[in-house]
N, C-alpha and C. Protein backbone atom coordinates (compact mmCIF):
# COMPACT_ATOMS: atom_id res chain seq x y z
N MET A 1 16.35 31.49 -7.80
CA MET A 1 14.89 31.83 -8.32
C MET A 1 14.39 29.94 -7.39
N SER A 2 13.38 29.81 -6.95
CA SER A 2 12.78 28.72 -6.11
C SER A 2 11.91 27.71 -7.02
N ASP A 3 12.13 27.09 -7.31
CA ASP A 3 10.77 25.60 -8.39
C ASP A 3 10.36 25.18 -6.93
N TRP A 4 9.31 25.95 -7.70
CA TRP A 4 7.69 25.25 -7.04
C TRP A 4 6.97 24.27 -7.36
N GLY A 5 7.59 23.69 -8.66
CA GLY A 5 6.78 22.39 -9.39
C GLY A 5 6.42 21.13 -8.52
N PRO A 6 7.67 20.89 -7.96
CA PRO A 6 7.35 19.35 -7.08
C PRO A 6 6.64 19.63 -5.76
N VAL A 7 6.14 21.16 -5.21
CA VAL A 7 5.24 20.88 -4.04
C VAL A 7 4.02 21.20 -4.47
N PHE A 8 4.34 22.04 -5.90
CA PHE A 8 2.78 22.17 -5.78
C PHE A 8 1.82 20.92 -6.75
N ILE A 9 2.70 20.24 -7.72
CA ILE A 9 2.19 18.25 -7.83
C ILE A 9 1.90 18.19 -7.21
N SER A 10 2.87 17.88 -5.24
CA SER A 10 2.85 17.02 -4.27
C SER A 10 1.22 17.41 -3.74
N VAL A 11 1.40 18.35 -3.75
CA VAL A 11 0.13 18.99 -2.36
C VAL A 11 -1.29 18.66 -2.99
N VAL A 12 -1.07 18.95 -4.91
CA VAL A 12 -2.43 18.73 -5.46
C VAL A 12 -2.98 17.38 -5.71
N LEU A 13 -1.85 16.94 -5.64
CA LEU A 13 -1.76 15.06 -5.81
C LEU A 13 -2.15 14.26 -4.40
N PHE A 14 -1.35 15.18 -3.52
CA PHE A 14 -1.86 14.65 -2.14
C PHE A 14 -3.55 14.63 -1.81
N ILE A 15 -3.95 16.21 -2.06
CA ILE A 15 -5.59 16.35 -1.94
C ILE A 15 -6.71 15.66 -2.59
N LEU A 16 -6.03 15.32 -3.57
CA LEU A 16 -7.09 14.65 -5.12
C LEU A 16 -7.03 12.82 -5.08
N LEU A 17 -5.94 12.30 -4.54
CA LEU A 17 -5.91 11.30 -3.94
C LEU A 17 -6.21 10.61 -2.30
N SER A 18 -5.92 11.97 -1.72
CA SER A 18 -7.36 11.49 -0.07
C SER A 18 -7.85 10.50 -0.39
N PRO A 19 -7.55 9.27 -0.03
CA PRO A 19 -9.03 8.09 0.03
C PRO A 19 -9.93 8.04 0.58
N GLY A 20 -10.94 8.48 0.09
CA GLY A 20 -12.54 9.10 1.03
C GLY A 20 -13.08 9.82 -0.05
N LEU A 21 -11.93 11.23 0.31
CA LEU A 21 -12.35 12.74 -0.45
C LEU A 21 -13.18 12.62 -1.61
N LEU A 22 -12.47 12.48 -2.51
CA LEU A 22 -13.36 12.21 -3.86
C LEU A 22 -13.58 10.90 -4.62
N PHE A 23 -12.62 10.14 -4.29
CA PHE A 23 -13.26 8.49 -4.30
C PHE A 23 -12.00 7.06 -3.52
N GLN A 24 -12.21 6.80 -3.72
CA GLN A 24 -11.92 5.58 -2.84
C GLN A 24 -11.84 3.88 -3.34
N ILE A 25 -10.63 3.45 -3.77
CA ILE A 25 -10.09 2.25 -4.15
C ILE A 25 -9.97 1.43 -3.32
N PRO A 26 -9.99 0.16 -3.08
CA PRO A 26 -10.94 -0.21 -3.07
C PRO A 26 -12.16 0.26 -2.10
N GLY A 27 -13.10 0.21 -2.65
CA GLY A 27 -14.53 0.60 -1.48
C GLY A 27 -14.85 -0.44 -0.38
N LYS A 28 -15.86 0.13 0.35
CA LYS A 28 -16.06 -1.32 0.81
C LYS A 28 -17.37 -2.29 0.41
N HIS A 29 -18.14 -1.50 -0.75
CA HIS A 29 -19.34 -2.34 -1.07
C HIS A 29 -18.95 -3.03 -2.55
N ARG A 30 -17.36 -1.85 -3.12
CA ARG A 30 -18.04 -1.91 -4.45
C ARG A 30 -16.22 -1.59 -4.51
N LEU A 31 -15.67 -1.64 -6.04
CA LEU A 31 -14.26 -1.57 -6.31
C LEU A 31 -14.45 -0.15 -6.33
N VAL A 32 -14.79 0.69 -6.35
CA VAL A 32 -14.52 2.23 -6.94
C VAL A 32 -15.88 2.78 -6.03
N GLU A 33 -15.26 3.78 -4.88
CA GLU A 33 -16.49 4.35 -4.52
C GLU A 33 -16.56 5.68 -4.15
N PHE A 34 -17.13 6.71 -4.54
CA PHE A 34 -17.12 8.14 -4.71
C PHE A 34 -17.81 8.47 -3.57
N GLY A 35 -16.76 9.29 -2.71
CA GLY A 35 -17.23 10.90 -1.77
C GLY A 35 -18.06 10.26 -0.56
N ASN A 36 -17.77 8.84 0.05
CA ASN A 36 -18.03 7.92 1.26
C ASN A 36 -17.74 8.96 2.48
N PHE A 37 -16.27 9.28 2.55
CA PHE A 37 -15.32 10.38 3.49
C PHE A 37 -14.87 8.99 4.32
N GLN A 38 -15.20 7.66 4.23
CA GLN A 38 -14.25 6.54 4.96
C GLN A 38 -13.13 6.19 4.06
N THR A 39 -12.27 5.34 4.97
CA THR A 39 -10.83 4.94 4.80
C THR A 39 -11.25 3.36 4.93
N SER A 40 -9.70 2.60 4.75
CA SER A 40 -9.35 1.44 5.00
C SER A 40 -8.08 1.00 4.92
N GLY A 41 -7.46 0.56 5.48
CA GLY A 41 -6.22 0.15 5.24
C GLY A 41 -5.74 -0.02 4.37
N VAL A 42 -6.44 -0.73 2.82
CA VAL A 42 -6.25 -1.43 1.70
C VAL A 42 -6.48 -0.55 1.58
N SER A 43 -7.47 0.76 1.52
CA SER A 43 -7.61 1.70 0.19
C SER A 43 -6.04 2.58 0.46
N ILE A 44 -6.25 2.49 1.98
CA ILE A 44 -4.42 3.81 1.69
C ILE A 44 -3.55 3.33 0.93
N VAL A 45 -3.25 1.99 1.37
CA VAL A 45 -2.27 1.69 0.68
C VAL A 45 -2.30 1.89 -1.19
N VAL A 46 -3.27 1.34 -1.65
CA VAL A 46 -3.80 1.29 -3.01
C VAL A 46 -3.82 2.83 -3.09
N HIS A 47 -3.90 4.11 -2.67
CA HIS A 47 -3.67 5.51 -3.28
C HIS A 47 -2.49 5.90 -2.79
N ALA A 48 -1.25 5.36 -2.01
CA ALA A 48 -0.38 5.34 -1.63
C ALA A 48 0.60 5.49 -2.65
N ILE A 49 0.65 4.16 -3.20
CA ILE A 49 1.05 3.44 -4.47
C ILE A 49 0.67 4.54 -5.88
N ILE A 50 -0.51 4.69 -5.83
CA ILE A 50 -0.83 5.61 -7.09
C ILE A 50 -0.58 6.97 -7.02
N PHE A 51 -0.53 7.74 -5.99
CA PHE A 51 0.22 8.79 -5.65
C PHE A 51 1.66 8.78 -5.51
N PHE A 52 2.59 7.34 -5.26
CA PHE A 52 3.60 7.37 -6.09
C PHE A 52 4.48 7.63 -7.61
N GLY A 53 3.33 6.85 -8.10
CA GLY A 53 3.51 6.30 -9.33
C GLY A 53 3.14 7.81 -10.19
N LEU A 54 2.57 8.81 -10.14
CA LEU A 54 1.64 10.00 -10.39
C LEU A 54 2.83 10.68 -9.72
N VAL A 55 3.97 10.62 -8.89
CA VAL A 55 4.73 12.12 -8.52
C VAL A 55 5.63 11.80 -9.35
N ALA A 56 6.31 10.55 -9.57
CA ALA A 56 7.21 10.05 -10.12
C ALA A 56 6.89 10.14 -11.70
N LEU A 57 5.84 10.02 -11.89
CA LEU A 57 5.49 10.18 -13.75
C LEU A 57 6.36 11.84 -14.07
N PHE A 58 4.98 12.69 -12.80
CA PHE A 58 4.79 14.33 -13.19
C PHE A 58 6.29 14.55 -12.85
N LEU A 59 7.41 14.24 -12.06
CA LEU A 59 8.68 14.81 -11.22
C LEU A 59 9.95 14.73 -12.02
N VAL A 60 10.00 12.87 -12.23
CA VAL A 60 11.29 12.66 -12.73
C VAL A 60 10.37 12.62 -14.56
N ALA A 61 9.51 11.85 -14.67
CA ALA A 61 9.77 11.73 -16.08
C ALA A 61 9.16 12.46 -16.67
N LEU A 62 7.89 13.88 -16.39
CA LEU A 62 8.35 14.91 -17.69
C LEU A 62 8.71 16.00 -16.62
N GLY A 63 9.33 16.10 -15.82
CA GLY A 63 10.23 16.94 -15.78
C GLY A 63 9.09 18.38 -14.90
N VAL A 64 8.65 18.23 -14.54
CA VAL A 64 7.67 19.70 -14.57
C VAL A 64 8.37 20.60 -13.69
N HIS A 65 8.39 21.73 -13.90
CA HIS A 65 8.84 22.92 -13.02
C HIS A 65 8.18 24.02 -12.88
N MET A 66 8.22 24.66 -11.60
CA MET A 66 7.70 26.21 -11.69
C MET A 66 8.65 27.28 -10.89
N PHE A 67 8.51 28.13 -11.98
CA PHE A 67 9.50 29.23 -11.00
C PHE A 67 9.38 30.38 -10.94
N ILE A 68 8.74 30.92 -9.90
CA ILE A 68 8.43 31.99 -9.07
C ILE A 68 9.59 32.99 -8.64
N GLY A 69 9.10 34.16 -9.12
CA GLY A 69 10.13 35.36 -8.64
C GLY A 69 10.83 35.95 -9.78
């Protein structure tokens, strides 16, 4: 059996935490901007740190597993 938990969690978090798609931290004019479809180097770094923290939380600390088949 294959463990699809890490793949599913990583893809969902990647889509949700893409800078500028749903929100951007920090924004160009405010701390948080929603749906502006723009990005900056600082926001890429901030979103990468948030992504790493959430992936580590879900996969290492909570141990999310999904078995198919």
